[in-house]
Protein backbone atom coordinates (compact mmCIF):
# COMPACT_ATOMS: atom_id res chain seq x y z
CA MET A 1 124.16 -22.70 -13.46
CA THR A 2 124.21 -21.37 -10.26
CA SER A 3 127.40 -20.06 -8.47
CA ARG A 4 127.56 -21.23 -4.79
CA LYS A 5 127.34 -17.73 -3.01
CA GLU A 6 122.91 -18.20 -4.85
CA ARG A 7 123.12 -21.90 -3.62
CA CYS A 8 124.45 -19.85 0.14
CA GLN A 9 121.98 -16.99 0.23
CA PHE A 10 119.29 -19.33 -0.52
CA ILE A 11 119.69 -21.56 1.75
CA TYR A 12 120.18 -18.91 4.17
CA GLY A 13 117.03 -17.80 3.47
CA ILE A 14 114.90 -21.15 3.93
CA MET A 15 117.05 -22.30 7.12
CA MET A 16 115.38 -18.76 7.94
CA ALA A 17 112.13 -18.76 7.05
CA SER A 18 112.12 -22.18 8.90
CA ALA A 19 113.75 -20.78 12.09
CA MET A 20 110.64 -18.49 11.86
CA PHE A 21 108.21 -20.98 11.17
CA MET A 22 109.79 -22.84 13.90
CA LEU A 23 109.73 -20.39 16.15
CA PHE A 24 106.16 -19.21 15.65
CA VAL A 25 104.40 -23.17 16.53
CA ILE A 26 107.15 -22.78 19.69
CA THR A 27 105.21 -20.34 20.79
CA ASN A 28 101.91 -21.00 20.10
CA TYR A 29 102.08 -24.68 21.33
CA TYR A 30 103.94 -22.02 24.45
CA GLU A 31 100.62 -20.15 24.97
CA SER A 32 98.08 -22.62 24.75
CA LEU A 33 99.77 -24.93 27.05
CA LEU A 34 99.03 -20.82 29.00
CA ARG A 35 96.59 -21.12 28.90
CA MET A 36 95.40 -23.85 29.42
CA TYR A 37 96.91 -24.05 32.37
CA ALA A 38 95.28 -21.16 33.65
CA ARG A 39 91.49 -22.01 32.61
CA PHE A 40 92.46 -24.80 34.97
CA VAL A 41 93.39 -22.29 37.97
CA ILE A 42 89.83 -20.61 37.35
CA HIS A 43 88.45 -23.59 36.77
CA GLN A 44 90.53 -24.91 40.98
CA LEU A 45 90.69 -21.51 42.81
CA GLU A 46 86.27 -21.57 41.95
CA ARG A 47 85.94 -25.23 42.68
CA ASN A 48 87.46 -25.23 45.72
CA SER A 49 87.91 -22.17 47.88
CA PRO A 50 85.23 -19.50 47.72
CA VAL A 51 87.21 -17.02 48.85
CA ALA A 52 90.57 -16.88 46.45
CA GLY A 53 92.89 -14.23 46.07
CA SER A 54 91.93 -11.16 43.20
CA PHE A 55 96.06 -11.37 41.95
CA VAL A 56 95.73 -15.40 41.49
CA LEU A 57 92.25 -14.87 39.89
CA TRP A 58 93.63 -11.25 37.67
CA LEU A 59 96.86 -12.98 36.43
CA ALA A 60 94.91 -15.93 35.34
CA ALA A 61 92.10 -14.35 33.97
CA THR A 62 94.63 -12.46 32.34
CA LEU A 63 97.11 -14.74 30.40
CA ALA A 64 93.61 -16.78 29.97
CA GLU A 65 92.14 -13.05 27.66
CA GLU A 66 88.45 -13.31 29.16
CA PRO A 67 88.19 -10.13 30.77
CA TRP A 68 85.38 -11.32 32.17
CA LEU A 69 86.27 -13.74 34.66
CA LEU A 70 88.43 -10.27 36.26
CA VAL A 71 84.70 -10.55 38.04
CA GLU A 72 85.23 -11.87 41.63
CA PRO A 73 84.41 -15.57 42.65
CA ARG A 74 80.80 -15.20 43.16
CA PRO A 75 79.94 -18.00 46.58
CA SER A 76 78.80 -21.59 46.20
CA THR A 77 75.02 -20.97 45.77
CA VAL A 78 73.55 -22.57 48.15
CA GLY A 79 69.56 -23.26 47.52
CA LEU A 80 66.44 -22.79 49.42
CA GLU A 81 65.69 -24.19 53.00
CA GLN A 82 63.36 -27.25 53.31
CA SER A 83 60.93 -24.85 55.27
CA VAL A 84 60.34 -22.82 51.49
CA ILE A 85 60.53 -25.72 49.46
CA ALA A 86 57.25 -27.38 51.55
CA SER A 87 55.59 -24.09 52.41
CA LEU A 88 55.55 -24.10 48.18
CA PRO A 89 52.35 -25.00 46.23
CA ILE A 90 51.45 -28.66 44.98
CA PHE A 91 48.36 -29.93 43.90
CA GLU A 92 47.04 -33.47 42.52
CA TYR A 93 47.69 -32.39 37.94
CA GLU A 94 44.53 -33.13 36.76
CA LYS A 95 44.83 -32.95 32.44
CA LYS A 96 43.51 -30.46 31.06
CA THR A 97 45.75 -29.76 28.68
CA THR A 98 49.64 -31.14 27.86
CA LEU A 99 52.32 -29.90 29.52
CA LYS A 100 55.38 -31.04 30.20
CA CYS A 101 57.89 -31.02 33.42
CA SER A 102 60.23 -28.72 32.29
CA ILE A 103 62.72 -30.80 34.76
CA CYS A 104 62.76 -34.33 33.40
CA LEU A 105 60.51 -33.27 29.89
CA SER A 106 58.15 -35.73 31.03
CA VAL A 107 54.64 -35.04 30.22
CA PHE A 108 52.23 -34.88 33.20
CA ASP A 109 49.44 -37.19 33.74
CA ASP A 110 46.61 -37.24 36.39
CA GLY A 111 47.77 -37.71 39.67
CA ASP A 112 50.64 -36.03 39.00
CA ARG A 113 51.49 -33.99 42.69
CA VAL A 114 52.58 -31.08 40.65
CA ARG A 115 54.87 -27.56 42.30
CA ILE A 116 53.13 -23.99 40.82
CA LEU A 117 56.19 -21.35 41.51
CA PRO A 118 54.21 -18.80 42.72
CA ASN A 119 56.87 -15.60 40.96
CA CYS A 120 56.71 -17.25 37.78
CA GLU A 121 53.86 -19.73 37.81
CA HIS A 122 56.25 -22.63 36.03
CA THR A 123 54.37 -26.02 36.48
CA PHE A 124 57.11 -28.82 37.07
CA HIS A 125 57.22 -32.06 39.19
CA GLY A 126 56.78 -32.12 42.98
CA GLU A 127 59.98 -34.51 43.23
CA CYS A 128 62.00 -32.87 40.53
CA ILE A 129 61.59 -29.29 41.71
CA ASP A 130 62.02 -30.60 44.91
CA ARG A 131 65.44 -31.19 44.37
CA TRP A 132 66.28 -28.63 41.75
CA LEU A 133 65.28 -26.01 45.48
CA GLU A 134 67.59 -27.57 47.26
CA SER A 135 70.71 -26.53 44.74
CA SER A 136 69.77 -23.30 43.62
CA THR A 137 67.33 -20.18 44.37
CA THR A 138 66.13 -19.72 40.69
CA CYS A 139 63.10 -21.07 38.77
CA PRO A 140 64.66 -23.71 36.08
CA VAL A 141 62.86 -22.09 33.50
CA CYS A 142 63.43 -18.10 33.98
CA ARG A 143 65.68 -17.52 36.79
CA ALA A 144 63.69 -15.84 39.01
CA HIS A 145 63.96 -16.02 42.22
CA VAL A 146 61.72 -19.21 44.18
CA ALA A 147 61.08 -17.68 47.62
CA PRO A 148 57.86 -15.74 47.67
CA GLN A 149 58.89 -12.04 47.20
CA GLU A 150 57.41 -10.28 50.74
CA PRO A 151 55.44 -7.43 50.25
CA ARG A 152 56.76 -3.59 49.91
């Protein structure tokens, strides 16, 4: 038989363990909410405001424990000008080997109009790469700059 004092101590121990467990669960819950909110804030700042306050970014990045987010937001990239896109060479494809467009993933057929990027020589359907270059300045395969480099 256990005494009343031992039962009280046992119940007290269970209550303390339960309280500590609940404190742990609640702390982790609020920490995860805080991380999600920080990521949401960072996403909103990058999407809506190209020049956001560095303190807000620092705070959000610190809360999210993502050190690479401490970098200033990059201005939204704008693709190449239409004149540069139009200046890229375009050819009719002659089927000598089987090649695929890395953007639409379809095989080139005889007579397809293809562009070969000057700096990396990757080949794409003209329509596919033109649409890509309206919002980006790099090759979708190797990320080389597409605009022809001027000789130094």
